[in-house]
Amino acid sequence: MANHKATKKDTRQAAKRRDSNRYYGKTTRNAIRDLKVSVGSSEYTEKLPTVVSMIDKLAKRGIIHKNKAANLKSKLAKKANAAKAIA
């Protein structure tokens, strides 16, 4: 356990940030999962911009790497385009 006042504060702040980051990460993963379930419907194209925005925010905050964000967005866009081609 930390002994210095500043180190104790840093530990508290890190815990708070970790909880916040876990919340945003989990919320985005759930949104991606829900989006993948709705492939083929018009609901997919409606939800896609919202999910992409969530992914961008995670990358901006440093919760996920920018390349991972790009890969996720690319996969989702491919599914959207494939669904449009079929319909």
Protein backbone atom coordinates (compact mmCIF):
# COMPACT_ATOMS: atom_id res chain seq x y z
CA MET A 1 0.00 0.00 0.00
CA ALA A 2 1.13 3.52 -0.73
CA ASN A 3 2.57 5.63 2.05
CA HIS A 4 2.72 9.09 0.51
CA LYS A 5 -0.31 11.31 0.30
CA ALA A 6 0.16 11.95 -3.43
CA THR A 7 0.61 8.25 -4.16
CA LYS A 8 -2.60 7.41 -2.30
CA LYS A 9 -4.42 10.04 -4.34
CA ASP A 10 -2.92 8.65 -7.56
CA THR A 11 -4.15 5.17 -6.60
CA ARG A 12 -7.68 6.52 -6.06
CA GLN A 13 -7.63 8.36 -9.38
CA ALA A 14 -6.34 5.31 -11.25
CA ALA A 15 -9.12 3.17 -9.79
CA LYS A 16 -11.72 5.74 -10.82
CA ARG A 17 -10.31 5.95 -14.36
CA ARG A 18 -10.10 2.16 -14.63
CA ASP A 19 -13.77 1.78 -13.67
CA SER A 20 -14.75 4.47 -16.14
CA ASN A 21 -12.71 2.92 -18.95
CA ARG A 22 -14.13 -0.53 -18.23
CA TYR A 23 -17.67 0.88 -18.37
CA TYR A 24 -17.16 2.61 -21.72
CA GLY A 25 -15.34 -0.39 -23.18
CA LYS A 26 -18.00 -2.85 -22.10
CA THR A 27 -20.83 -0.59 -23.29
CA THR A 28 -19.22 -0.31 -26.71
CA ARG A 29 -18.61 -4.08 -26.94
CA ASN A 30 -22.27 -4.68 -26.11
CA ALA A 31 -23.33 -2.17 -28.78
CA ILE A 32 -21.13 -3.92 -31.35
CA ARG A 33 -22.59 -7.29 -30.38
CA ASP A 34 -26.15 -5.98 -30.66
CA LEU A 35 -25.31 -4.42 -34.02
CA LYS A 36 -23.94 -7.72 -35.38
CA VAL A 37 -27.19 -9.45 -34.37
CA SER A 38 -29.22 -7.01 -36.49
CA VAL A 39 -27.27 -7.65 -39.74
CA GLY A 40 -29.52 -7.65 -42.78
CA SER A 41 -32.12 -5.29 -41.40
CA SER A 42 -32.51 -1.56 -41.90
CA GLU A 43 -31.81 -1.25 -38.18
CA TYR A 44 -28.13 -2.05 -38.88
CA THR A 45 -27.64 1.03 -41.04
CA GLU A 46 -29.43 3.19 -38.46
CA LYS A 47 -27.27 1.98 -35.55
CA LEU A 48 -23.96 1.91 -37.42
CA PRO A 49 -23.07 5.64 -37.09
CA THR A 50 -23.73 5.54 -33.34
CA VAL A 51 -21.50 2.51 -32.81
CA VAL A 52 -18.75 3.96 -35.01
CA SER A 53 -18.88 7.13 -32.92
CA MET A 54 -18.52 5.08 -29.74
CA ILE A 55 -15.49 3.28 -31.18
CA ASP A 56 -13.90 6.60 -32.17
CA LYS A 57 -14.39 7.95 -28.65
CA LEU A 58 -12.67 4.89 -27.16
CA ALA A 59 -9.69 5.42 -29.44
CA LYS A 60 -9.59 9.14 -28.66
CA ARG A 61 -9.59 8.45 -24.91
CA GLY A 62 -6.85 5.85 -25.33
CA ILE A 63 -8.97 2.95 -24.12
CA ILE A 64 -8.32 1.05 -27.34
CA HIS A 65 -5.58 1.55 -29.94
CA LYS A 66 -6.44 3.63 -33.01
CA ASN A 67 -5.62 0.71 -35.32
CA LYS A 68 -7.99 -1.56 -33.41
CA ALA A 69 -10.68 1.08 -33.79
CA ALA A 70 -10.02 1.25 -37.52
CA ASN A 71 -10.20 -2.55 -37.82
CA LEU A 72 -13.50 -2.69 -35.93
CA LYS A 73 -15.04 0.07 -38.03
CA SER A 74 -13.81 -1.59 -41.23
CA LYS A 75 -15.39 -4.93 -40.33
CA LEU A 76 -18.70 -3.29 -39.46
CA ALA A 77 -18.69 -1.29 -42.70
CA LYS A 78 -17.97 -4.44 -44.72
CA LYS A 79 -21.01 -6.12 -43.18
CA ALA A 80 -23.13 -3.07 -43.94
CA ASN A 81 -22.00 -3.05 -47.59
CA ALA A 82 -22.54 -6.78 -47.93
CA ALA A 83 -26.06 -6.42 -46.57
CA LYS A 84 -26.77 -3.63 -49.08
CA ALA A 85 -25.49 -5.77 -51.96
CA ILE A 86 -27.80 -8.63 -51.01
CA ALA A 87 -30.85 -6.43 -50.54
